[in-house]
Amino acid sequence: MKKGIHPEYYEINVTTTDGKTVKMYSSVKKDLVLSTDNLNHPAWTGQRNNEGAKGSKFAGFNF
């Protein structure tokens, strides 16, 4: 690998929606607090909510 082209990596804390903190590495020196993760996202929980869909996902646009 070429030297000097890769970013620095810093150890950060990532806090999940249930309050657990996990240490990870990131090129951004800033701790993260997640608002969505596998505990509450419909893709993992299986709870879909289609209340906003009215026949078409483009129903609100005027083309």
PDB file of N, CA and C in Angstrom:
ATOM      1  N   MET A   1       0.835  -1.189   0.000  1.00  0.00           N
ATOM      2  CA  MET A   1       0.000   0.000   0.000  1.00  0.00           C
ATOM      3  C   MET A   1       0.873   1.244   0.000  1.00  0.00           C
ATOM      4  N   LYS A   2       0.354   2.293  -0.617  1.00  0.00           N
ATOM      5  CA  LYS A   2       1.073   3.551  -0.629  1.00  0.00           C
ATOM      6  C   LYS A   2       1.011   4.191   0.746  1.00  0.00           C
ATOM      7  N   LYS A   3       2.078   4.797   1.142  1.00  0.00           N
ATOM      8  CA  LYS A   3       2.106   5.477   2.434  1.00  0.00           C
ATOM      9  C   LYS A   3       1.564   6.889   2.285  1.00  0.00           C
ATOM     10  N   GLY A   4       0.900   7.372   3.342  1.00  0.00           N
ATOM     11  CA  GLY A   4       0.430   8.746   3.387  1.00  0.00           C
ATOM     12  C   GLY A   4      -0.893   9.025   2.697  1.00  0.00           C
ATOM     13  N   ILE A   5      -1.545   8.013   2.136  1.00  0.00           N
ATOM     14  CA  ILE A   5      -2.827   8.272   1.475  1.00  0.00           C
ATOM     15  C   ILE A   5      -4.021   7.758   2.275  1.00  0.00           C
ATOM     16  N   HIS A   6      -3.778   7.010   3.326  1.00  0.00           N
ATOM     17  CA  HIS A   6      -4.867   6.448   4.116  1.00  0.00           C
ATOM     18  C   HIS A   6      -5.157   7.340   5.323  1.00  0.00           C
ATOM     19  N   PRO A   7      -6.434   7.461   5.693  1.00  0.00           N
ATOM     20  CA  PRO A   7      -6.783   8.324   6.821  1.00  0.00           C
ATOM     21  C   PRO A   7      -6.354   7.709   8.155  1.00  0.00           C
ATOM     22  N   GLU A   8      -6.217   8.554   9.144  1.00  0.00           N
ATOM     23  CA  GLU A   8      -5.959   8.088  10.512  1.00  0.00           C
ATOM     24  C   GLU A   8      -7.234   7.448  11.052  1.00  0.00           C
ATOM     25  N   TYR A   9      -7.095   6.431  11.888  1.00  0.00           N
ATOM     26  CA  TYR A   9      -8.248   5.803  12.517  1.00  0.00           C
ATOM     27  C   TYR A   9      -8.203   6.042  14.005  1.00  0.00           C
ATOM     28  N   TYR A  10      -9.369   6.346  14.578  1.00  0.00           N
ATOM     29  CA  TYR A  10      -9.494   6.663  15.987  1.00  0.00           C
ATOM     30  C   TYR A  10     -10.484   5.698  16.622  1.00  0.00           C
ATOM     31  N   GLU A  11     -10.258   5.360  17.883  1.00  0.00           N
ATOM     32  CA  GLU A  11     -11.211   4.525  18.611  1.00  0.00           C
ATOM     33  C   GLU A  11     -12.344   5.416  19.098  1.00  0.00           C
ATOM     34  N   ILE A  12     -13.589   5.050  18.751  1.00  0.00           N
ATOM     35  CA  ILE A  12     -14.755   5.829  19.154  1.00  0.00           C
ATOM     36  C   ILE A  12     -15.737   4.931  19.889  1.00  0.00           C
ATOM     37  N   ASN A  13     -16.692   5.546  20.555  1.00  0.00           N
ATOM     38  CA  ASN A  13     -17.775   4.826  21.210  1.00  0.00           C
ATOM     39  C   ASN A  13     -19.040   4.995  20.378  1.00  0.00           C
ATOM     40  N   VAL A  14     -19.714   3.875  20.107  1.00  0.00           N
ATOM     41  CA  VAL A  14     -20.987   3.896  19.389  1.00  0.00           C
ATOM     42  C   VAL A  14     -22.049   3.415  20.367  1.00  0.00           C
ATOM     43  N   THR A  15     -23.046   4.270  20.624  1.00  0.00           N
ATOM     44  CA  THR A  15     -24.121   3.930  21.561  1.00  0.00           C
ATOM     45  C   THR A  15     -25.354   3.523  20.770  1.00  0.00           C
ATOM     46  N   THR A  16     -25.866   2.313  21.039  1.00  0.00           N
ATOM     47  CA  THR A  16     -27.038   1.801  20.338  1.00  0.00           C
ATOM     48  C   THR A  16     -28.310   2.319  20.997  1.00  0.00           C
ATOM     49  N   THR A  17     -29.460   2.009  20.399  1.00  0.00           N
ATOM     50  CA  THR A  17     -30.725   2.540  20.897  1.00  0.00           C
ATOM     51  C   THR A  17     -31.107   1.998  22.265  1.00  0.00           C
ATOM     52  N   ASP A  18     -30.558   0.869  22.662  1.00  0.00           N
ATOM     53  CA  ASP A  18     -30.870   0.335  23.993  1.00  0.00           C
ATOM     54  C   ASP A  18     -29.861   0.797  25.043  1.00  0.00           C
ATOM     55  N   GLY A  19     -28.936   1.685  24.670  1.00  0.00           N
ATOM     56  CA  GLY A  19     -27.997   2.252  25.623  1.00  0.00           C
ATOM     57  C   GLY A  19     -26.659   1.542  25.722  1.00  0.00           C
ATOM     58  N   LYS A  20     -26.479   0.448  25.018  1.00  0.00           N
ATOM     59  CA  LYS A  20     -25.202  -0.257  25.050  1.00  0.00           C
ATOM     60  C   LYS A  20     -24.158   0.538  24.281  1.00  0.00           C
ATOM     61  N   THR A  21     -22.922   0.491  24.752  1.00  0.00           N
ATOM     62  CA  THR A  21     -21.825   1.188  24.093  1.00  0.00           C
ATOM     63  C   THR A  21     -20.831   0.172  23.554  1.00  0.00           C
ATOM     64  N   VAL A  22     -20.448   0.361  22.296  1.00  0.00           N
ATOM     65  CA  VAL A  22     -19.511  -0.526  21.626  1.00  0.00           C
ATOM     66  C   VAL A  22     -18.341   0.319  21.133  1.00  0.00           C
ATOM     67  N   LYS A  23     -17.127  -0.186  21.291  1.00  0.00           N
ATOM     68  CA  LYS A  23     -15.951   0.509  20.788  1.00  0.00           C
ATOM     69  C   LYS A  23     -15.708   0.079  19.349  1.00  0.00           C
ATOM     70  N   MET A  24     -15.477   1.053  18.470  1.00  0.00           N
ATOM     71  CA  MET A  24     -15.187   0.815  17.064  1.00  0.00           C
ATOM     72  C   MET A  24     -14.103   1.778  16.623  1.00  0.00           C
ATOM     73  N   TYR A  25     -13.654   1.599  15.397  1.00  0.00           N
ATOM     74  CA  TYR A  25     -12.667   2.503  14.825  1.00  0.00           C
ATOM     75  C   TYR A  25     -13.295   3.276  13.683  1.00  0.00           C
ATOM     76  N   SER A  26     -12.948   4.559  13.587  1.00  0.00           N
ATOM     77  CA  SER A  26     -13.495   5.421  12.562  1.00  0.00           C
ATOM     78  C   SER A  26     -12.448   6.443  12.153  1.00  0.00           C
ATOM     79  N   SER A  27     -12.577   6.946  10.929  1.00  0.00           N
ATOM     80  CA  SER A  27     -11.682   8.010  10.502  1.00  0.00           C
ATOM     81  C   SER A  27     -12.176   9.370  10.994  1.00  0.00           C
ATOM     82  N   VAL A  28     -13.394   9.412  11.537  1.00  0.00           N
ATOM     83  CA  VAL A  28     -13.946  10.628  12.122  1.00  0.00           C
ATOM     84  C   VAL A  28     -13.785  10.532  13.631  1.00  0.00           C
ATOM     85  N   LYS A  29     -13.157  11.505  14.229  1.00  0.00           N
ATOM     86  CA  LYS A  29     -12.874  11.467  15.665  1.00  0.00           C
ATOM     87  C   LYS A  29     -14.088  12.007  16.425  1.00  0.00           C
ATOM     88  N   LYS A  30     -15.183  11.230  16.424  1.00  0.00           N
ATOM     89  CA  LYS A  30     -16.415  11.675  17.068  1.00  0.00           C
ATOM     90  C   LYS A  30     -17.227  10.449  17.491  1.00  0.00           C
ATOM     91  N   ASP A  31     -17.697  10.438  18.745  1.00  0.00           N
ATOM     92  CA  ASP A  31     -18.552   9.349  19.204  1.00  0.00           C
ATOM     93  C   ASP A  31     -19.915   9.432  18.513  1.00  0.00           C
ATOM     94  N   LEU A  32     -20.552   8.269  18.298  1.00  0.00           N
ATOM     95  CA  LEU A  32     -21.841   8.208  17.620  1.00  0.00           C
ATOM     96  C   LEU A  32     -22.922   7.714  18.567  1.00  0.00           C
ATOM     97  N   VAL A  33     -24.118   8.285  18.442  1.00  0.00           N
ATOM     98  CA  VAL A  33     -25.308   7.801  19.139  1.00  0.00           C
ATOM     99  C   VAL A  33     -26.314   7.468  18.048  1.00  0.00           C
ATOM    100  N   LEU A  34     -26.649   6.187  17.926  1.00  0.00           N
ATOM    101  CA  LEU A  34     -27.529   5.737  16.858  1.00  0.00           C
ATOM    102  C   LEU A  34     -28.986   6.001  17.190  1.00  0.00           C
ATOM    103  N   SER A  35     -29.751   6.438  16.192  1.00  0.00           N
ATOM    104  CA  SER A  35     -31.196   6.594  16.367  1.00  0.00           C
ATOM    105  C   SER A  35     -31.932   5.407  15.753  1.00  0.00           C
ATOM    106  N   THR A  36     -31.257   4.665  14.878  1.00  0.00           N
ATOM    107  CA  THR A  36     -31.823   3.475  14.251  1.00  0.00           C
ATOM    108  C   THR A  36     -30.753   2.398  14.213  1.00  0.00           C
ATOM    109  N   ASP A  37     -31.116   1.209  14.619  1.00  0.00           N
ATOM    110  CA  ASP A  37     -30.210   0.067  14.523  1.00  0.00           C
ATOM    111  C   ASP A  37     -31.034  -1.202  14.387  1.00  0.00           C
ATOM    112  N   ASN A  38     -30.418  -2.355  14.507  1.00  0.00           N
ATOM    113  CA  ASN A  38     -31.135  -3.614  14.302  1.00  0.00           C
ATOM    114  C   ASN A  38     -32.199  -3.886  15.361  1.00  0.00           C
ATOM    115  N   LEU A  39     -32.254  -3.102  16.429  1.00  0.00           N
ATOM    116  CA  LEU A  39     -33.262  -3.318  17.468  1.00  0.00           C
ATOM    117  C   LEU A  39     -34.599  -2.659  17.134  1.00  0.00           C
ATOM    118  N   ASN A  40     -34.581  -1.636  16.267  1.00  0.00           N
ATOM    119  CA  ASN A  40     -35.837  -0.942  15.996  1.00  0.00           C
ATOM    120  C   ASN A  40     -36.103  -0.680  14.515  1.00  0.00           C
ATOM    121  N   HIS A  41     -35.263  -1.144  13.613  1.00  0.00           N
ATOM    122  CA  HIS A  41     -35.487  -0.917  12.183  1.00  0.00           C
ATOM    123  C   HIS A  41     -36.377  -2.023  11.617  1.00  0.00           C
ATOM    124  N   PRO A  42     -37.402  -1.659  10.822  1.00  0.00           N
ATOM    125  CA  PRO A  42     -38.337  -2.656  10.290  1.00  0.00           C
ATOM    126  C   PRO A  42     -37.686  -3.764   9.468  1.00  0.00           C
ATOM    127  N   ALA A  43     -36.543  -3.505   8.869  1.00  0.00           N
ATOM    128  CA  ALA A  43     -35.879  -4.546   8.084  1.00  0.00           C
ATOM    129  C   ALA A  43     -35.444  -5.711   8.961  1.00  0.00           C
ATOM    130  N   TRP A  44     -35.148  -5.448  10.228  1.00  0.00           N
ATOM    131  CA  TRP A  44     -34.726  -6.516  11.137  1.00  0.00           C
ATOM    132  C   TRP A  44     -35.844  -6.970  12.066  1.00  0.00           C
ATOM    133  N   THR A  45     -36.776  -6.087  12.397  1.00  0.00           N
ATOM    134  CA  THR A  45     -37.826  -6.464  13.339  1.00  0.00           C
ATOM    135  C   THR A  45     -38.997  -7.151  12.660  1.00  0.00           C
ATOM    136  N   GLY A  46     -39.147  -6.931  11.327  1.00  0.00           N
ATOM    137  CA  GLY A  46     -40.255  -7.542  10.603  1.00  0.00           C
ATOM    138  C   GLY A  46     -41.555  -6.791  10.756  1.00  0.00           C
ATOM    139  N   GLN A  47     -41.531  -5.628  11.384  1.00  0.00           N
ATOM    140  CA  GLN A  47     -42.746  -4.836  11.585  1.00  0.00           C
ATOM    141  C   GLN A  47     -42.770  -3.713  10.568  1.00  0.00           C
ATOM    142  N   ARG A  48     -43.507  -3.921   9.504  1.00  0.00           N
ATOM    143  CA  ARG A  48     -43.593  -2.904   8.464  1.00  0.00           C
ATOM    144  C   ARG A  48     -44.760  -1.973   8.737  1.00  0.00           C
ATOM    145  N   ASN A  49     -44.580  -0.734   8.345  1.00  0.00           N
ATOM    146  CA  ASN A  49     -45.629   0.258   8.500  1.00  0.00           C
ATOM    147  C   ASN A  49     -45.812   0.961   7.163  1.00  0.00           C
ATOM    148  N   ASN A  50     -46.892   0.661   6.473  1.00  0.00           N
ATOM    149  CA  ASN A  50     -47.145   1.240   5.161  1.00  0.00           C
ATOM    150  C   ASN A  50     -48.271   2.266   5.196  1.00  0.00           C
ATOM    151  N   GLU A  51     -48.457   2.935   6.317  1.00  0.00           N
ATOM    152  CA  GLU A  51     -49.554   3.889   6.428  1.00  0.00           C
ATOM    153  C   GLU A  51     -49.412   5.052   5.460  1.00  0.00           C
ATOM    154  N   GLY A  52     -48.192   5.458   5.139  1.00  0.00           N
ATOM    155  CA  GLY A  52     -47.977   6.596   4.260  1.00  0.00           C
ATOM    156  C   GLY A  52     -48.158   6.283   2.794  1.00  0.00           C
ATOM    157  N   ALA A  53     -48.127   5.024   2.410  1.00  0.00           N
ATOM    158  CA  ALA A  53     -48.243   4.652   0.999  1.00  0.00           C
ATOM    159  C   ALA A  53     -49.710   4.650   0.586  1.00  0.00           C
ATOM    160  N   LYS A  54     -50.032   5.419  -0.451  1.00  0.00           N
ATOM    161  CA  LYS A  54     -51.415   5.473  -0.938  1.00  0.00           C
ATOM    162  C   LYS A  54     -51.446   5.042  -2.393  1.00  0.00           C
ATOM    163  N   GLY A  55     -51.169   3.780  -2.625  1.00  0.00           N
ATOM    164  CA  GLY A  55     -51.232   3.246  -3.977  1.00  0.00           C
ATOM    165  C   GLY A  55     -49.907   3.292  -4.711  1.00  0.00           C
ATOM    166  N   SER A  56     -49.170   4.361  -4.550  1.00  0.00           N
ATOM    167  CA  SER A  56     -47.906   4.493  -5.257  1.00  0.00           C
ATOM    168  C   SER A  56     -46.924   5.264  -4.393  1.00  0.00           C
ATOM    169  N   LYS A  57     -45.671   4.890  -4.466  1.00  0.00           N
ATOM    170  CA  LYS A  57     -44.689   5.618  -3.673  1.00  0.00           C
ATOM    171  C   LYS A  57     -44.418   7.005  -4.245  1.00  0.00           C
ATOM    172  N   PHE A  58     -44.896   7.278  -5.471  1.00  0.00           N
ATOM    173  CA  PHE A  58     -44.722   8.588  -6.081  1.00  0.00           C
ATOM    174  C   PHE A  58     -46.039   9.376  -6.131  1.00  0.00           C
ATOM    175  N   ALA A  59     -47.013   9.001  -5.305  1.00  0.00           N
ATOM    176  CA  ALA A  59     -48.340   9.610  -5.374  1.00  0.00           C
ATOM    177  C   ALA A  59     -48.304  11.118  -5.075  1.00  0.00           C
ATOM    178  N   GLY A  60     -47.388  11.577  -4.244  1.00  0.00           N
ATOM    179  CA  GLY A  60     -47.345  12.984  -3.863  1.00  0.00           C
ATOM    180  C   GLY A  60     -46.642  13.893  -4.848  1.00  0.00           C
ATOM    181  N   PHE A  61     -46.044  13.318  -5.899  1.00  0.00           N
ATOM    182  CA  PHE A  61     -45.298  14.111  -6.876  1.00  0.00           C
ATOM    183  C   PHE A  61     -46.167  14.435  -8.080  1.00  0.00           C
ATOM    184  N   ASN A  62     -45.971  15.611  -8.633  1.00  0.00           N
ATOM    185  CA  ASN A  62     -46.668  15.989  -9.863  1.00  0.00           C
ATOM    186  C   ASN A  62     -45.662  15.979 -10.996  1.00  0.00           C
ATOM    187  N   PHE A  63     -45.774  14.996 -11.879  1.00  0.00           N
ATOM    188  CA  PHE A  63     -44.844  14.887 -13.003  1.00  0.00           C
ATOM    189  C   PHE A  63     -45.443  15.496 -14.238  1.00  0.00           C
TER     190      PHE A  63
END
